[in-house]
Amino acid sequence: MFKAVVKTIALLAILFVMLYVGMNNTHAVDFHFPLAGTTAKTPIHASAALIYFGVFAVGVLAGTIFWVGGRTQGGKRAAAKDR
């Protein structure tokens, strides 16, 4: 229970930082990411807060996929060993 509360507080702190960045970076910027290929020729021109949120969302989704993927495989193996 305590672990869940600490994780929730950490998530709320991260969301607060995102809100703060969004409120203070409303100007438009050019986003260059040459490894992606398409932005090397024509950069994405959008609000800095929107680009920050997009990069953050991709990171959260990737972390969730890695975390859930690892837990599922480990859980199945652990359950099989107990029997």
PDB file of N, CA and C in Angstrom:
ATOM      1  N   MET A   1       0.825  -1.193   0.000  1.00  0.00           N
ATOM      2  CA  MET A   1       0.000   0.000   0.000  1.00  0.00           C
ATOM      3  C   MET A   1       0.876   1.267   0.000  1.00  0.00           C
ATOM      4  N   PHE A   2       1.882   1.293   0.860  1.00  0.00           N
ATOM      5  CA  PHE A   2       2.764   2.454   0.943  1.00  0.00           C
ATOM      6  C   PHE A   2       3.515   2.658  -0.365  1.00  0.00           C
ATOM      7  N   LYS A   3       3.921   1.562  -0.993  1.00  0.00           N
ATOM      8  CA  LYS A   3       4.643   1.634  -2.258  1.00  0.00           C
ATOM      9  C   LYS A   3       3.777   2.282  -3.347  1.00  0.00           C
ATOM     10  N   ALA A   4       2.486   1.946  -3.364  1.00  0.00           N
ATOM     11  CA  ALA A   4       1.572   2.523  -4.347  1.00  0.00           C
ATOM     12  C   ALA A   4       1.394   4.026  -4.120  1.00  0.00           C
ATOM     13  N   VAL A   5       1.348   4.438  -2.872  1.00  0.00           N
ATOM     14  CA  VAL A   5       1.192   5.863  -2.557  1.00  0.00           C
ATOM     15  C   VAL A   5       2.440   6.635  -2.991  1.00  0.00           C
ATOM     16  N   VAL A   6       3.621   6.074  -2.748  1.00  0.00           N
ATOM     17  CA  VAL A   6       4.866   6.736  -3.152  1.00  0.00           C
ATOM     18  C   VAL A   6       4.937   6.848  -4.680  1.00  0.00           C
ATOM     19  N   LYS A   7       4.560   5.790  -5.388  1.00  0.00           N
ATOM     20  CA  LYS A   7       4.564   5.828  -6.851  1.00  0.00           C
ATOM     21  C   LYS A   7       3.565   6.860  -7.375  1.00  0.00           C
ATOM     22  N   THR A   8       2.412   6.968  -6.746  1.00  0.00           N
ATOM     23  CA  THR A   8       1.403   7.942  -7.161  1.00  0.00           C
ATOM     24  C   THR A   8       1.909   9.362  -6.940  1.00  0.00           C
ATOM     25  N   ILE A   9       2.562   9.600  -5.819  1.00  0.00           N
ATOM     26  CA  ILE A   9       3.117  10.933  -5.549  1.00  0.00           C
ATOM     27  C   ILE A   9       4.203  11.268  -6.561  1.00  0.00           C
ATOM     28  N   ALA A  10       5.036  10.289  -6.907  1.00  0.00           N
ATOM     29  CA  ALA A  10       6.082  10.522  -7.913  1.00  0.00           C
ATOM     30  C   ALA A  10       5.462  10.846  -9.267  1.00  0.00           C
ATOM     31  N   LEU A  11       4.419  10.121  -9.655  1.00  0.00           N
ATOM     32  CA  LEU A  11       3.741  10.393 -10.924  1.00  0.00           C
ATOM     33  C   LEU A  11       3.120  11.790 -10.922  1.00  0.00           C
ATOM     34  N   LEU A  12       2.509  12.191  -9.820  1.00  0.00           N
ATOM     35  CA  LEU A  12       1.928  13.528  -9.739  1.00  0.00           C
ATOM     36  C   LEU A  12       3.005  14.612  -9.822  1.00  0.00           C
ATOM     37  N   ALA A  13       4.166  14.360  -9.251  1.00  0.00           N
ATOM     38  CA  ALA A  13       5.266  15.324  -9.342  1.00  0.00           C
ATOM     39  C   ALA A  13       5.718  15.471 -10.792  1.00  0.00           C
ATOM     40  N   ILE A  14       5.830  14.363 -11.491  1.00  0.00           N
ATOM     41  CA  ILE A  14       6.223  14.418 -12.906  1.00  0.00           C
ATOM     42  C   ILE A  14       5.165  15.156 -13.727  1.00  0.00           C
ATOM     43  N   LEU A  15       3.908  14.890 -13.463  1.00  0.00           N
ATOM     44  CA  LEU A  15       2.836  15.582 -14.186  1.00  0.00           C
ATOM     45  C   LEU A  15       2.839  17.075 -13.878  1.00  0.00           C
ATOM     46  N   PHE A  16       3.178  17.454 -12.643  1.00  0.00           N
ATOM     47  CA  PHE A  16       3.278  18.871 -12.306  1.00  0.00           C
ATOM     48  C   PHE A  16       4.390  19.542 -13.108  1.00  0.00           C
ATOM     49  N   VAL A  17       5.526  18.868 -13.240  1.00  0.00           N
ATOM     50  CA  VAL A  17       6.628  19.425 -14.031  1.00  0.00           C
ATOM     51  C   VAL A  17       6.185  19.605 -15.476  1.00  0.00           C
ATOM     52  N   MET A  18       5.458  18.635 -16.015  1.00  0.00           N
ATOM     53  CA  MET A  18       4.947  18.767 -17.388  1.00  0.00           C
ATOM     54  C   MET A  18       4.012  19.961 -17.509  1.00  0.00           C
ATOM     55  N   LEU A  19       3.129  20.140 -16.540  1.00  0.00           N
ATOM     56  CA  LEU A  19       2.209  21.275 -16.556  1.00  0.00           C
ATOM     57  C   LEU A  19       2.973  22.588 -16.487  1.00  0.00           C
ATOM     58  N   TYR A  20       3.973  22.651 -15.627  1.00  0.00           N
ATOM     59  CA  TYR A  20       4.777  23.860 -15.464  1.00  0.00           C
ATOM     60  C   TYR A  20       5.528  24.202 -16.749  1.00  0.00           C
ATOM     61  N   VAL A  21       6.118  23.191 -17.376  1.00  0.00           N
ATOM     62  CA  VAL A  21       6.828  23.409 -18.642  1.00  0.00           C
ATOM     63  C   VAL A  21       5.848  23.882 -19.716  1.00  0.00           C
ATOM     64  N   GLY A  22       4.673  23.287 -19.759  1.00  0.00           N
ATOM     65  CA  GLY A  22       3.676  23.671 -20.752  1.00  0.00           C
ATOM     66  C   GLY A  22       3.186  25.098 -20.594  1.00  0.00           C
ATOM     67  N   MET A  23       3.053  25.537 -19.352  1.00  0.00           N
ATOM     68  CA  MET A  23       2.577  26.902 -19.109  1.00  0.00           C
ATOM     69  C   MET A  23       3.618  27.948 -19.473  1.00  0.00           C
ATOM     70  N   ASN A  24       4.895  27.590 -19.373  1.00  0.00           N
ATOM     71  CA  ASN A  24       5.956  28.574 -19.588  1.00  0.00           C
ATOM     72  C   ASN A  24       6.639  28.466 -20.943  1.00  0.00           C
ATOM     73  N   ASN A  25       6.265  27.521 -21.768  1.00  0.00           N
ATOM     74  CA  ASN A  25       6.875  27.354 -23.086  1.00  0.00           C
ATOM     75  C   ASN A  25       5.789  27.275 -24.157  1.00  0.00           C
ATOM     76  N   THR A  26       5.113  28.384 -24.351  1.00  0.00           N
ATOM     77  CA  THR A  26       4.000  28.406 -25.306  1.00  0.00           C
ATOM     78  C   THR A  26       4.446  28.801 -26.708  1.00  0.00           C
ATOM     79  N   HIS A  27       5.675  29.251 -26.866  1.00  0.00           N
ATOM     80  CA  HIS A  27       6.142  29.689 -28.182  1.00  0.00           C
ATOM     81  C   HIS A  27       6.426  28.474 -29.076  1.00  0.00           C
ATOM     82  N   ALA A  28       6.370  28.704 -30.372  1.00  0.00           N
ATOM     83  CA  ALA A  28       6.618  27.630 -31.338  1.00  0.00           C
ATOM     84  C   ALA A  28       8.119  27.452 -31.558  1.00  0.00           C
ATOM     85  N   VAL A  29       8.522  26.193 -31.724  1.00  0.00           N
ATOM     86  CA  VAL A  29       9.929  25.877 -31.974  1.00  0.00           C
ATOM     87  C   VAL A  29      10.011  24.887 -33.130  1.00  0.00           C
ATOM     88  N   ASP A  30      11.208  24.763 -33.690  1.00  0.00           N
ATOM     89  CA  ASP A  30      11.465  23.746 -34.709  1.00  0.00           C
ATOM     90  C   ASP A  30      12.119  22.543 -34.042  1.00  0.00           C
ATOM     91  N   PHE A  31      11.544  21.376 -34.232  1.00  0.00           N
ATOM     92  CA  PHE A  31      12.059  20.149 -33.638  1.00  0.00           C
ATOM     93  C   PHE A  31      12.827  19.371 -34.690  1.00  0.00           C
ATOM     94  N   HIS A  32      14.126  19.233 -34.489  1.00  0.00           N
ATOM     95  CA  HIS A  32      14.991  18.481 -35.404  1.00  0.00           C
ATOM     96  C   HIS A  32      15.389  17.171 -34.734  1.00  0.00           C
ATOM     97  N   PHE A  33      15.152  16.060 -35.395  1.00  0.00           N
ATOM     98  CA  PHE A  33      15.582  14.747 -34.917  1.00  0.00           C
ATOM     99  C   PHE A  33      16.050  13.956 -36.128  1.00  0.00           C
ATOM    100  N   PRO A  34      17.297  14.165 -36.551  1.00  0.00           N
ATOM    101  CA  PRO A  34      17.780  13.588 -37.815  1.00  0.00           C
ATOM    102  C   PRO A  34      17.703  12.061 -37.882  1.00  0.00           C
ATOM    103  N   LEU A  35      17.788  11.377 -36.741  1.00  0.00           N
ATOM    104  CA  LEU A  35      17.729   9.914 -36.770  1.00  0.00           C
ATOM    105  C   LEU A  35      16.373   9.391 -37.247  1.00  0.00           C
ATOM    106  N   ALA A  36      15.337  10.182 -37.080  1.00  0.00           N
ATOM    107  CA  ALA A  36      14.007   9.756 -37.517  1.00  0.00           C
ATOM    108  C   ALA A  36      13.863   9.811 -39.032  1.00  0.00           C
ATOM    109  N   GLY A  37      14.664  10.621 -39.688  1.00  0.00           N
ATOM    110  CA  GLY A  37      14.648  10.685 -41.147  1.00  0.00           C
ATOM    111  C   GLY A  37      13.813  11.823 -41.689  1.00  0.00           C
ATOM    112  N   THR A  38      12.550  11.904 -41.301  1.00  0.00           N
ATOM    113  CA  THR A  38      11.671  12.925 -41.874  1.00  0.00           C
ATOM    114  C   THR A  38      11.971  14.321 -41.344  1.00  0.00           C
ATOM    115  N   THR A  39      12.427  14.431 -40.103  1.00  0.00           N
ATOM    116  CA  THR A  39      12.674  15.767 -39.554  1.00  0.00           C
ATOM    117  C   THR A  39      14.024  16.331 -39.983  1.00  0.00           C
ATOM    118  N   ALA A  40      14.850  15.536 -40.638  1.00  0.00           N
ATOM    119  CA  ALA A  40      16.136  16.041 -41.121  1.00  0.00           C
ATOM    120  C   ALA A  40      15.920  17.067 -42.240  1.00  0.00           C
ATOM    121  N   LYS A  41      14.934  16.833 -43.094  1.00  0.00           N
ATOM    122  CA  LYS A  41      14.651  17.743 -44.207  1.00  0.00           C
ATOM    123  C   LYS A  41      13.645  18.822 -43.819  1.00  0.00           C
ATOM    124  N   THR A  42      12.561  18.425 -43.180  1.00  0.00           N
ATOM    125  CA  THR A  42      11.530  19.377 -42.770  1.00  0.00           C
ATOM    126  C   THR A  42      11.252  19.194 -41.280  1.00  0.00           C
ATOM    127  N   PRO A  43      11.764  20.085 -40.444  1.00  0.00           N
ATOM    128  CA  PRO A  43      11.548  19.943 -38.998  1.00  0.00           C
ATOM    129  C   PRO A  43      10.079  20.144 -38.626  1.00  0.00           C
ATOM    130  N   ILE A  44       9.705  19.578 -37.506  1.00  0.00           N
ATOM    131  CA  ILE A  44       8.343  19.754 -36.990  1.00  0.00           C
ATOM    132  C   ILE A  44       8.283  21.124 -36.319  1.00  0.00           C
ATOM    133  N   HIS A  45       7.346  21.957 -36.718  1.00  0.00           N
ATOM    134  CA  HIS A  45       7.165  23.293 -36.156  1.00  0.00           C
ATOM    135  C   HIS A  45       5.907  23.259 -35.300  1.00  0.00           C
ATOM    136  N   ALA A  46       6.095  23.230 -33.974  1.00  0.00           N
ATOM    137  CA  ALA A  46       4.956  23.143 -33.055  1.00  0.00           C
ATOM    138  C   ALA A  46       5.318  23.820 -31.742  1.00  0.00           C
ATOM    139  N   SER A  47       4.348  23.891 -30.857  1.00  0.00           N
ATOM    140  CA  SER A  47       4.562  24.467 -29.538  1.00  0.00           C
ATOM    141  C   SER A  47       5.597  23.640 -28.775  1.00  0.00           C
ATOM    142  N   ALA A  48       6.450  24.305 -28.034  1.00  0.00           N
ATOM    143  CA  ALA A  48       7.486  23.608 -27.270  1.00  0.00           C
ATOM    144  C   ALA A  48       6.860  22.657 -26.253  1.00  0.00           C
ATOM    145  N   ALA A  49       5.765  23.064 -25.637  1.00  0.00           N
ATOM    146  CA  ALA A  49       5.104  22.210 -24.657  1.00  0.00           C
ATOM    147  C   ALA A  49       4.535  20.952 -25.314  1.00  0.00           C
ATOM    148  N   LEU A  50       3.999  21.091 -26.510  1.00  0.00           N
ATOM    149  CA  LEU A  50       3.443  19.930 -27.217  1.00  0.00           C
ATOM    150  C   LEU A  50       4.541  18.938 -27.586  1.00  0.00           C
ATOM    151  N   ILE A  51       5.676  19.444 -28.039  1.00  0.00           N
ATOM    152  CA  ILE A  51       6.800  18.565 -28.374  1.00  0.00           C
ATOM    153  C   ILE A  51       7.328  17.893 -27.105  1.00  0.00           C
ATOM    154  N   TYR A  52       7.431  18.639 -26.015  1.00  0.00           N
ATOM    155  CA  TYR A  52       7.872  18.070 -24.741  1.00  0.00           C
ATOM    156  C   TYR A  52       6.930  16.958 -24.308  1.00  0.00           C
ATOM    157  N   PHE A  53       5.625  17.202 -24.396  1.00  0.00           N
ATOM    158  CA  PHE A  53       4.645  16.181 -24.012  1.00  0.00           C
ATOM    159  C   PHE A  53       4.760  14.951 -24.904  1.00  0.00           C
ATOM    160  N   GLY A  54       4.959  15.140 -26.200  1.00  0.00           N
ATOM    161  CA  GLY A  54       5.080  14.003 -27.114  1.00  0.00           C
ATOM    162  C   GLY A  54       6.283  13.141 -26.796  1.00  0.00           C
ATOM    163  N   VAL A  55       7.411  13.762 -26.524  1.00  0.00           N
ATOM    164  CA  VAL A  55       8.621  13.014 -26.177  1.00  0.00           C
ATOM    165  C   VAL A  55       8.418  12.291 -24.846  1.00  0.00           C
ATOM    166  N   PHE A  56       7.796  12.959 -23.891  1.00  0.00           N
ATOM    167  CA  PHE A  56       7.511  12.337 -22.598  1.00  0.00           C
ATOM    168  C   PHE A  56       6.564  11.151 -22.755  1.00  0.00           C
ATOM    169  N   ALA A  57       5.515  11.305 -23.562  1.00  0.00           N
ATOM    170  CA  ALA A  57       4.540  10.234 -23.760  1.00  0.00           C
ATOM    171  C   ALA A  57       5.183   9.008 -24.412  1.00  0.00           C
ATOM    172  N   VAL A  58       6.051   9.232 -25.384  1.00  0.00           N
ATOM    173  CA  VAL A  58       6.747   8.109 -26.021  1.00  0.00           C
ATOM    174  C   VAL A  58       7.616   7.385 -24.995  1.00  0.00           C
ATOM    175  N   GLY A  59       8.288   8.127 -24.142  1.00  0.00           N
ATOM    176  CA  GLY A  59       9.121   7.510 -23.109  1.00  0.00           C
ATOM    177  C   GLY A  59       8.310   6.714 -22.108  1.00  0.00           C
ATOM    178  N   VAL A  60       7.173   7.253 -21.690  1.00  0.00           N
ATOM    179  CA  VAL A  60       6.313   6.528 -20.742  1.00  0.00           C
ATOM    180  C   VAL A  60       5.765   5.253 -21.373  1.00  0.00           C
ATOM    181  N   LEU A  61       5.315   5.343 -22.619  1.00  0.00           N
ATOM    182  CA  LEU A  61       4.796   4.147 -23.294  1.00  0.00           C
ATOM    183  C   LEU A  61       5.878   3.091 -23.475  1.00  0.00           C
ATOM    184  N   ALA A  62       7.075   3.506 -23.858  1.00  0.00           N
ATOM    185  CA  ALA A  62       8.167   2.544 -24.021  1.00  0.00           C
ATOM    186  C   ALA A  62       8.529   1.903 -22.684  1.00  0.00           C
ATOM    187  N   GLY A  63       8.590   2.690 -21.636  1.00  0.00           N
ATOM    188  CA  GLY A  63       8.890   2.140 -20.311  1.00  0.00           C
ATOM    189  C   GLY A  63       7.817   1.183 -19.832  1.00  0.00           C
ATOM    190  N   THR A  64       6.556   1.511 -20.099  1.00  0.00           N
ATOM    191  CA  THR A  64       5.458   0.630 -19.710  1.00  0.00           C
ATOM    192  C   THR A  64       5.521  -0.689 -20.465  1.00  0.00           C
ATOM    193  N   ILE A  65       5.807  -0.625 -21.751  1.00  0.00           N
ATOM    194  CA  ILE A  65       5.896  -1.849 -22.555  1.00  0.00           C
ATOM    195  C   ILE A  65       7.038  -2.724 -22.050  1.00  0.00           C
ATOM    196  N   PHE A  66       8.195  -2.131 -21.765  1.00  0.00           N
ATOM    197  CA  PHE A  66       9.323  -2.909 -21.249  1.00  0.00           C
ATOM    198  C   PHE A  66       9.014  -3.499 -19.879  1.00  0.00           C
ATOM    199  N   TRP A  67       8.371  -2.716 -19.014  1.00  0.00           N
ATOM    200  CA  TRP A  67       8.083  -3.168 -17.661  1.00  0.00           C
ATOM    201  C   TRP A  67       7.059  -4.301 -17.675  1.00  0.00           C
ATOM    202  N   VAL A  68       5.979  -4.133 -18.418  1.00  0.00           N
ATOM    203  CA  VAL A  68       4.935  -5.155 -18.475  1.00  0.00           C
ATOM    204  C   VAL A  68       5.446  -6.397 -19.193  1.00  0.00           C
ATOM    205  N   GLY A  69       6.214  -6.223 -20.247  1.00  0.00           N
ATOM    206  CA  GLY A  69       6.762  -7.361 -20.970  1.00  0.00           C
ATOM    207  C   GLY A  69       7.673  -8.203 -20.096  1.00  0.00           C
ATOM    208  N   GLY A  70       8.509  -7.575 -19.317  1.00  0.00           N
ATOM    209  CA  GLY A  70       9.413  -8.300 -18.429  1.00  0.00           C
ATOM    210  C   GLY A  70       8.690  -8.977 -17.284  1.00  0.00           C
ATOM    211  N   ARG A  71       7.674  -8.336 -16.748  1.00  0.00           N
ATOM    212  CA  ARG A  71       6.933  -8.888 -15.619  1.00  0.00           C
ATOM    213  C   ARG A  71       6.113 -10.104 -16.028  1.00  0.00           C
ATOM    214  N   THR A  72       5.543 -10.077 -17.225  1.00  0.00           N
ATOM    215  CA  THR A  72       4.704 -11.185 -17.667  1.00  0.00           C
ATOM    216  C   THR A  72       5.534 -12.449 -17.825  1.00  0.00           C
ATOM    217  N   GLN A  73       6.676 -12.361 -18.451  1.00  0.00           N
ATOM    218  CA  GLN A  73       7.513 -13.533 -18.668  1.00  0.00           C
ATOM    219  C   GLN A  73       8.053 -14.061 -17.343  1.00  0.00           C
ATOM    220  N   GLY A  74       8.506 -13.174 -16.497  1.00  0.00           N
ATOM    221  CA  GLY A  74       9.041 -13.603 -15.205  1.00  0.00           C
ATOM    222  C   GLY A  74       7.969 -14.217 -14.330  1.00  0.00           C
ATOM    223  N   GLY A  75       6.766 -13.674 -14.382  1.00  0.00           N
ATOM    224  CA  GLY A  75       5.664 -14.199 -13.594  1.00  0.00           C
ATOM    225  C   GLY A  75       5.287 -15.610 -13.995  1.00  0.00           C
ATOM    226  N   LYS A  76       5.281 -15.892 -15.287  1.00  0.00           N
ATOM    227  CA  LYS A  76       4.940 -17.218 -15.776  1.00  0.00           C
ATOM    228  C   LYS A  76       5.994 -18.232 -15.352  1.00  0.00           C
ATOM    229  N   ARG A  77       7.243 -17.827 -15.424  1.00  0.00           N
ATOM    230  CA  ARG A  77       8.323 -18.755 -15.039  1.00  0.00           C
ATOM    231  C   ARG A  77       8.292 -19.029 -13.544  1.00  0.00           C
ATOM    232  N   ALA A  78       8.058 -18.009 -12.757  1.00  0.00           N
ATOM    233  CA  ALA A  78       8.016 -18.184 -11.304  1.00  0.00           C
ATOM    234  C   ALA A  78       6.843 -19.068 -10.902  1.00  0.00           C
ATOM    235  N   ALA A  79       5.700 -18.892 -11.559  1.00  0.00           N
ATOM    236  CA  ALA A  79       4.526 -19.702 -11.244  1.00  0.00           C
ATOM    237  C   ALA A  79       4.753 -21.162 -11.623  1.00  0.00           C
ATOM    238  N   ALA A  80       5.452 -21.407 -12.694  1.00  0.00           N
ATOM    239  CA  ALA A  80       5.713 -22.778 -13.126  1.00  0.00           C
ATOM    240  C   ALA A  80       6.679 -23.472 -12.173  1.00  0.00           C
ATOM    241  N   LYS A  81       7.636 -22.758 -11.595  1.00  0.00           N
ATOM    242  CA  LYS A  81       8.602 -23.355 -10.680  1.00  0.00           C
ATOM    243  C   LYS A  81       7.971 -23.717  -9.332  1.00  0.00           C
ATOM    244  N   ASP A  82       6.940 -22.974  -8.930  1.00  0.00           N
ATOM    245  CA  ASP A  82       6.302 -23.226  -7.637  1.00  0.00           C
ATOM    246  C   ASP A  82       5.504 -24.507  -7.629  1.00  0.00           C
ATOM    247  N   ARG A  83       5.067 -24.974  -8.755  1.00  0.00           N
ATOM    248  CA  ARG A  83       4.202 -26.161  -8.808  1.00  0.00           C
ATOM    249  C   ARG A  83       4.961 -27.402  -8.754  1.00  0.00           C
TER     250      ARG A  83
END
